[in-house]
Amino acid sequence: MKGMVSSVKNKFFTRKFVPAQGAKSTCKVCRCRKGMGINMKKKRISTVLFSIMCFCMLAGCADNEQEKVTDTQLEQQRGENFELEAGQEVLPGNENEEEQNQMQQTVQAPPQIAFETVNKNWWNADKSAVVVNANYQRITVEGEGYEALATSLGGFSSTQEEDLIRFAENAVAAVEKNSEMDTYYYLFTRYSGTRVDENVVSILEKTNYTNGSVQNGNACYGYTYDAKTGTILSWEEIVNDVDGFKRAATDVICGNLQLEYGAQLKPDYQTTVAGMWEKLGTSKWYLDASGITFIFQKDEITDETAFATVSFNQLAEFIKPEYQLNSNAYVAKLPTNGMFVYDGMDQASHSLTLNRSVISEYMDNRYEIRLNGNVQEVGEYIYLEDAYLIREESGKIFLIITMNMASDDYVTTVYDISNGELVQTDKQSNMYFDSTPINAQQIKMAVNVDVLGSYATQMDYYLDEAGKLVPQSKAFQVVNSYENAFYMTTTKELPVVIGGEETTLPVGTRLCIVATDNQGIAYFRIEGTKQEGEIHYTTSEEEWGCSIQGISDMEYFDMVPYAG
């Protein structure tokens, strides 16, 4: 058995990278959402399997300081957007028009990347308990001219899935060989596109691992691909002076880490940064809106995972123009310790930063947005969940920010920053990023709902011309990570609608909620037969929960999985 477990560790947690086929690596997982209100039975952990994984915690947001941007830096940040053909003449006074015409002739839409979520269970021999539950994603790519990228990212996610399945099967086999073992593994992986345009695709992998609620951890890894060739890039390939960049970036990284983490840093963190370049590899950095973000795993420079962004405006002279963010359409993550400099629809350059200040010893923070030196307060929250920029093909630029108040109480706000002004266009409660918005036509968001239980649901949105998040379907789909835990058993006849006809379900029927319109209809699925139907409910501001024909939902079931 020890040999088998060692094999799990060696194969499942060894990362490999093959540039021609994309990165091959193991599945690791990001932290799962809280607040489901389901108490899971604690499992006794075998000391043999207990040592299989060791992950690092993802660091939170920290203080930022706005850098001063000179005119020269702004010019470097913009990069060359077009080149004149030999003999082409630009008439005086028509430079902007000629530039726009040239850009329109060479516009290529960025690739569209989708993340399909998969949930799988592996049971013990007698099917009495789940040994491994894995919730992970498959990556697909669409778009003309991105066939090589589709092959690479498809191969990458397939390798991730194969390694995860191999681990799960070995874990189940180990449990079967030792009847005294009672082990439960939960593996959770989420990908997000930190930058997606016609030149570059950067993916951030966040992972979470739980072993019987006793051992757990999380980590993250970056993968940056050439969008045309599909090859995974090393950091040396995006700079034009490797040695010069190393020297300059080391100082910038150390300075940003000091601003971001302060007393949390280990005494020798500067030595660690200076010596990281030879072993940096392809998975410890990624590109985003501001520049290059470097990842430091647990215990490298702090007790947890740390991030440091080198903004393009800081070291633009070292970065090849094609890797700076100067494309016509993109989606890009905005870090909290880097400045984003961009050309607006008004043909002027603008600088944007997010800033945080700690206001209490209980990790309460005040967040603000600085745009061209003007400050607008976002509010007081525990931390910033995510911030993304979407530049549409029309040239409009939107900033989308999700803040976490506490206990997964989220607020998502949309701003139009197209012309260097911060204009709020939408604000939604209980909404947060699930899969990153990969294109302006579809933004997948998660929404917490309390309908016959507390559930994390998913919905596809698009941004309309006014910057409003508009749902693309009528129902919020429930994310069933722990499928069995969500089943409820009726304790009295339940009025439902099946196939458009009103009927009742008998006592003892087991069902789970699979979707809701969040306005009066909950969609269910019956265990075994998989028959689906609707439960019509009402809510009241005076009372918690839902009512079905005037009777509390708690009276219809053995339990209703509300959070809290």
Foldseek 3Di string as FASTA:
>chain_A
DLVLLVVLLVQQADWAADFQQATFHAAFAADDADFQQFDDDFFDADPSNVPSDDFFADDFFFFADDDDFDPVLLVLLQFDQADDDPPDDDDPPCPVVVSVVRNVVVAFFWKFKDWDWDWDFDAAPVRPDTAEIEIETAMAIDGPLQPSLRRNSRSRRVSNVVSVVSSRVSSNVVCNVPVVGTKHKYKHKAKAFQKIGQFKTKIKIKIKIDISVPDIYIYIWMWMAGRRNNGTDDPVVFWDDVVVCLVQVLVQQVVLCCRGPNPQWDPCLSVLSSPCVVVQPRIQWTAFQFGIKGWDAAPSTGNGIDIGGDGCSNVSNTGDSSPRPNHLWMKHWAGQHGKHWDQAPVRDIKIKHKGWDQDDPVQWIWIWIAIRNDIDTPGIANGWDTWMWTQANVRWIKIWTWGHRPSQWIKIWIFTCRPRDTHTQDIDIQKAADYQRGHQAWGKIWGWAFALGTFIFIFIFHQDPSRYTHTPDQKTFGDCSPVVSQKWFFQAWAWWAAPNRIDTDHGGWIKGFGIDSNAFWTKIATPPVRGITIQGWDDDPVDPYIAGVNHGSCNTTPDRRYGD
